[in-house]
């Protein structure tokens, strides 16, 4: 009886060690998800969302400054919006469904808002109105989940 218990215990410990290995979840996903499925890890999601939060905060600070004729500020806004375009592209590079349906549902609209805001700021004279929709998009998605 004691031998059987030790065998079961050793098996559970071996399985736990296998599951804890860093590469195991990625290896397992190749067999559990279809090839055209975009799997976004929690780490990738958090990292990208924190980058976007920082970029939105910088954008909000820039918009607090007077924008009448400041070409340097205009260029900063354009560069920041371009950075945000790149950051959002990292969430789903394949364009296929992912394991985050909320992101799948809202990502295209966010990208569109960022591009439209950038184009409107690049015009002469610049129009900063649509920049507000970019910062407001975060509130729209996270309205029920302030910490997420």
C-alpha atoms as a PDB file:
ATOM      1  CA  UNK A   1       0.000   0.000   0.000  1.00  0.00           C
ATOM      2  CA  UNK A   2       2.808   2.389   0.883  1.00  0.00           C
ATOM      3  CA  UNK A   3       4.552   1.603  -2.421  1.00  0.00           C
ATOM      4  CA  UNK A   4       1.375   2.398  -4.393  1.00  0.00           C
ATOM      5  CA  UNK A   5       0.972   5.715  -2.554  1.00  0.00           C
ATOM      6  CA  UNK A   6       4.570   6.688  -3.370  1.00  0.00           C
ATOM      7  CA  UNK A   7       4.031   5.775  -7.035  1.00  0.00           C
ATOM      8  CA  UNK A   8       0.913   7.943  -7.234  1.00  0.00           C
ATOM      9  CA  UNK A   9       2.663  10.770  -5.424  1.00  0.00           C
ATOM     10  CA  UNK A  10       5.686  10.553  -7.740  1.00  0.00           C
ATOM     11  CA  UNK A  11       3.395  10.561 -10.778  1.00  0.00           C
ATOM     12  CA  UNK A  12       1.571  13.674  -9.548  1.00  0.00           C
ATOM     13  CA  UNK A  13       4.832  15.441  -8.803  1.00  0.00           C
ATOM     14  CA  UNK A  14       6.202  14.558 -12.244  1.00  0.00           C
ATOM     15  CA  UNK A  15       3.025  15.829 -13.906  1.00  0.00           C
ATOM     16  CA  UNK A  16       3.182  19.024 -11.841  1.00  0.00           C
ATOM     17  CA  UNK A  17       6.791  19.575 -12.834  1.00  0.00           C
ATOM     18  CA  UNK A  18       5.908  19.002 -16.486  1.00  0.00           C
ATOM     19  CA  UNK A  19       3.039  21.482 -16.354  1.00  0.00           C
ATOM     20  CA  UNK A  20       5.225  24.033 -14.569  1.00  0.00           C
ATOM     21  CA  UNK A  21       7.828  23.979 -17.333  1.00  0.00           C
ATOM     22  CA  UNK A  22       7.821  27.255 -19.234  1.00  0.00           C
ATOM     23  CA  UNK A  23       7.596  25.686 -22.666  1.00  0.00           C
ATOM     24  CA  UNK A  24       4.880  23.176 -21.905  1.00  0.00           C
ATOM     25  CA  UNK A  25       1.847  25.481 -22.348  1.00  0.00           C
ATOM     26  CA  UNK A  26       3.130  26.681 -25.734  1.00  0.00           C
ATOM     27  CA  UNK A  27       3.839  23.115 -26.797  1.00  0.00           C
ATOM     28  CA  UNK A  28       0.383  21.993 -25.705  1.00  0.00           C
ATOM     29  CA  UNK A  29      -1.347  24.870 -27.540  1.00  0.00           C
ATOM     30  CA  UNK A  30      -0.059  23.635 -30.878  1.00  0.00           C
ATOM     31  CA  UNK A  31      -2.220  20.541 -30.377  1.00  0.00           C
ATOM     32  CA  UNK A  32      -5.235  22.112 -28.677  1.00  0.00           C
ATOM     33  CA  UNK A  33      -5.883  25.148 -30.912  1.00  0.00           C
ATOM     34  CA  UNK A  34      -6.358  25.223 -34.694  1.00  0.00           C
ATOM     35  CA  UNK A  35      -3.374  26.487 -36.707  1.00  0.00           C
ATOM     36  CA  UNK A  36      -5.178  29.684 -37.764  1.00  0.00           C
ATOM     37  CA  UNK A  37      -5.929  30.657 -34.153  1.00  0.00           C
ATOM     38  CA  UNK A  38      -3.990  33.570 -32.647  1.00  0.00           C
ATOM     39  CA  UNK A  39      -3.158  32.784 -29.002  1.00  0.00           C
ATOM     40  CA  UNK A  40      -2.372  35.903 -26.979  1.00  0.00           C
ATOM     41  CA  UNK A  41      -0.638  35.102 -23.704  1.00  0.00           C
ATOM     42  CA  UNK A  42      -1.618  36.922 -20.516  1.00  0.00           C
ATOM     43  CA  UNK A  43       1.908  38.339 -20.309  1.00  0.00           C
ATOM     44  CA  UNK A  44       1.719  39.695 -23.863  1.00  0.00           C
ATOM     45  CA  UNK A  45      -1.728  41.159 -23.207  1.00  0.00           C
ATOM     46  CA  UNK A  46      -0.676  42.874 -19.964  1.00  0.00           C
ATOM     47  CA  UNK A  47       2.520  44.221 -21.490  1.00  0.00           C
ATOM     48  CA  UNK A  48       0.750  45.640 -24.521  1.00  0.00           C
ATOM     49  CA  UNK A  49      -2.058  47.140 -22.466  1.00  0.00           C
ATOM     50  CA  UNK A  50       0.421  48.804 -20.112  1.00  0.00           C
ATOM     51  CA  UNK A  51       2.244  50.249 -23.123  1.00  0.00           C
ATOM     52  CA  UNK A  52      -1.041  51.586 -24.477  1.00  0.00           C
ATOM     53  CA  UNK A  53      -1.960  53.030 -21.079  1.00  0.00           C
ATOM     54  CA  UNK A  54       1.359  54.871 -20.916  1.00  0.00           C
ATOM     55  CA  UNK A  55       0.934  56.147 -24.479  1.00  0.00           C
ATOM     56  CA  UNK A  56      -2.636  57.320 -23.828  1.00  0.00           C
ATOM     57  CA  UNK A  57      -1.459  59.108 -20.687  1.00  0.00           C
ATOM     58  CA  UNK A  58       1.282  60.875 -22.675  1.00  0.00           C
ATOM     59  CA  UNK A  59      -1.281  61.797 -25.324  1.00  0.00           C
ATOM     60  CA  UNK A  60      -3.608  63.244 -22.700  1.00  0.00           C
ATOM     61  CA  UNK A  61      -0.767  65.330 -21.253  1.00  0.00           C
ATOM     62  CA  UNK A  62       0.108  66.649 -24.713  1.00  0.00           C
ATOM     63  CA  UNK A  63      -3.502  67.607 -25.312  1.00  0.00           C
ATOM     64  CA  UNK A  64      -3.555  69.680 -22.122  1.00  0.00           C
ATOM     65  CA  UNK A  65      -0.977  72.033 -23.645  1.00  0.00           C
ATOM     66  CA  UNK A  66      -2.157  74.823 -25.963  1.00  0.00           C
ATOM     67  CA  UNK A  67      -2.126  73.494 -29.557  1.00  0.00           C
ATOM     68  CA  UNK A  68      -2.562  76.619 -31.654  1.00  0.00           C
ATOM     69  CA  UNK A  69       0.751  76.839 -33.566  1.00  0.00           C
ATOM     70  CA  UNK A  70       3.115  74.479 -31.844  1.00  0.00           C
ATOM     71  CA  UNK A  71       4.576  72.357 -34.675  1.00  0.00           C
ATOM     72  CA  UNK A  72       6.826  70.422 -32.281  1.00  0.00           C
ATOM     73  CA  UNK A  73       3.839  69.359 -30.207  1.00  0.00           C
ATOM     74  CA  UNK A  74       1.933  68.379 -33.351  1.00  0.00           C
ATOM     75  CA  UNK A  75       4.819  66.152 -34.407  1.00  0.00           C
ATOM     76  CA  UNK A  76       4.910  64.547 -30.953  1.00  0.00           C
ATOM     77  CA  UNK A  77       1.190  63.748 -31.197  1.00  0.00           C
ATOM     78  CA  UNK A  78       1.652  62.216 -34.663  1.00  0.00           C
ATOM     79  CA  UNK A  79       4.618  60.124 -33.471  1.00  0.00           C
ATOM     80  CA  UNK A  80       2.706  58.966 -30.409  1.00  0.00           C
ATOM     81  CA  UNK A  81      -0.288  57.949 -32.529  1.00  0.00           C
ATOM     82  CA  UNK A  82       2.035  56.043 -34.869  1.00  0.00           C
ATOM     83  CA  UNK A  83       3.526  54.263 -31.855  1.00  0.00           C
ATOM     84  CA  UNK A  84       0.029  53.378 -30.692  1.00  0.00           C
ATOM     85  CA  UNK A  85      -0.758  51.969 -34.150  1.00  0.00           C
ATOM     86  CA  UNK A  86       2.277  49.716 -33.855  1.00  0.00           C
ATOM     87  CA  UNK A  87       1.440  48.699 -30.275  1.00  0.00           C
ATOM     88  CA  UNK A  88      -2.109  47.696 -31.186  1.00  0.00           C
ATOM     89  CA  UNK A  89      -0.806  45.699 -34.151  1.00  0.00           C
ATOM     90  CA  UNK A  90       1.131  43.528 -31.690  1.00  0.00           C
ATOM     91  CA  UNK A  91      -2.083  42.258 -30.120  1.00  0.00           C
ATOM     92  CA  UNK A  92      -3.211  40.339 -33.170  1.00  0.00           C
ATOM     93  CA  UNK A  93      -0.736  40.148 -36.008  1.00  0.00           C
ATOM     94  CA  UNK A  94      -2.586  37.439 -37.923  1.00  0.00           C
ATOM     95  CA  UNK A  95      -5.998  39.098 -38.094  1.00  0.00           C
ATOM     96  CA  UNK A  96      -7.544  35.791 -37.067  1.00  0.00           C
ATOM     97  CA  UNK A  97      -9.671  35.084 -33.994  1.00  0.00           C
ATOM     98  CA  UNK A  98      -7.795  34.988 -30.705  1.00  0.00           C
ATOM     99  CA  UNK A  99      -8.442  33.714 -27.206  1.00  0.00           C
ATOM    100  CA  UNK A 100      -9.598  37.212 -26.174  1.00  0.00           C
ATOM    101  CA  UNK A 101     -13.016  37.864 -27.754  1.00  0.00           C
ATOM    102  CA  UNK A 102     -13.277  41.364 -26.245  1.00  0.00           C
ATOM    103  CA  UNK A 103     -10.035  42.353 -27.963  1.00  0.00           C
ATOM    104  CA  UNK A 104     -11.145  40.688 -31.201  1.00  0.00           C
ATOM    105  CA  UNK A 105     -14.372  42.663 -31.063  1.00  0.00           C
ATOM    106  CA  UNK A 106     -12.865  46.096 -30.284  1.00  0.00           C
ATOM    107  CA  UNK A 107      -9.363  46.076 -31.778  1.00  0.00           C
ATOM    108  CA  UNK A 108     -10.336  47.081 -35.322  1.00  0.00           C
ATOM    109  CA  UNK A 109     -12.339  50.054 -34.049  1.00  0.00           C
ATOM    110  CA  UNK A 110      -9.450  51.175 -31.854  1.00  0.00           C
ATOM    111  CA  UNK A 111      -7.007  50.917 -34.758  1.00  0.00           C
ATOM    112  CA  UNK A 112      -9.413  52.867 -36.985  1.00  0.00           C
ATOM    113  CA  UNK A 113      -9.765  55.607 -34.343  1.00  0.00           C
ATOM    114  CA  UNK A 114      -5.987  55.893 -33.994  1.00  0.00           C
ATOM    115  CA  UNK A 115      -5.439  56.130 -37.768  1.00  0.00           C
ATOM    116  CA  UNK A 116      -8.224  58.701 -38.224  1.00  0.00           C
ATOM    117  CA  UNK A 117      -6.847  60.782 -35.348  1.00  0.00           C
ATOM    118  CA  UNK A 118      -3.335  60.681 -36.824  1.00  0.00           C
ATOM    119  CA  UNK A 119      -4.556  61.651 -40.305  1.00  0.00           C
ATOM    120  CA  UNK A 120      -6.577  64.552 -38.905  1.00  0.00           C
ATOM    121  CA  UNK A 121      -3.584  65.837 -36.915  1.00  0.00           C
ATOM    122  CA  UNK A 122      -1.344  65.567 -40.002  1.00  0.00           C
ATOM    123  CA  UNK A 123      -3.684  67.803 -42.048  1.00  0.00           C
ATOM    124  CA  UNK A 124      -2.997  71.468 -42.466  1.00  0.00           C
ATOM    125  CA  UNK A 125      -4.422  72.964 -40.302  1.00  0.00           C
ATOM    126  CA  UNK A 126      -4.370  70.102 -37.828  1.00  0.00           C
ATOM    127  CA  UNK A 127      -7.583  68.896 -36.224  1.00  0.00           C
ATOM    128  CA  UNK A 128      -7.143  67.451 -32.734  1.00  0.00           C
ATOM    129  CA  UNK A 129     -10.805  66.589 -32.174  1.00  0.00           C
ATOM    130  CA  UNK A 130     -10.454  62.873 -32.988  1.00  0.00           C
ATOM    131  CA  UNK A 131      -7.551  62.464 -30.558  1.00  0.00           C
ATOM    132  CA  UNK A 132     -10.176  62.502 -27.814  1.00  0.00           C
ATOM    133  CA  UNK A 133     -11.832  59.421 -29.304  1.00  0.00           C
ATOM    134  CA  UNK A 134      -8.557  57.535 -28.956  1.00  0.00           C
ATOM    135  CA  UNK A 135      -8.220  58.316 -25.277  1.00  0.00           C
ATOM    136  CA  UNK A 136     -11.940  57.698 -24.781  1.00  0.00           C
ATOM    137  CA  UNK A 137     -11.686  54.238 -26.383  1.00  0.00           C
ATOM    138  CA  UNK A 138      -9.862  52.954 -23.306  1.00  0.00           C
ATOM    139  CA  UNK A 139     -12.678  54.134 -21.074  1.00  0.00           C
ATOM    140  CA  UNK A 140     -15.224  52.535 -23.425  1.00  0.00           C
ATOM    141  CA  UNK A 141     -13.650  49.060 -23.214  1.00  0.00           C
ATOM    142  CA  UNK A 142     -12.709  49.228 -19.543  1.00  0.00           C
ATOM    143  CA  UNK A 143     -15.828  50.980 -18.256  1.00  0.00           C
ATOM    144  CA  UNK A 144     -16.859  48.013 -16.128  1.00  0.00           C
ATOM    145  CA  UNK A 145     -13.319  46.852 -15.330  1.00  0.00           C
ATOM    146  CA  UNK A 146     -11.267  49.807 -14.093  1.00  0.00           C
ATOM    147  CA  UNK A 147      -8.343  47.611 -13.054  1.00  0.00           C
ATOM    148  CA  UNK A 148      -8.299  45.541 -16.228  1.00  0.00           C
END
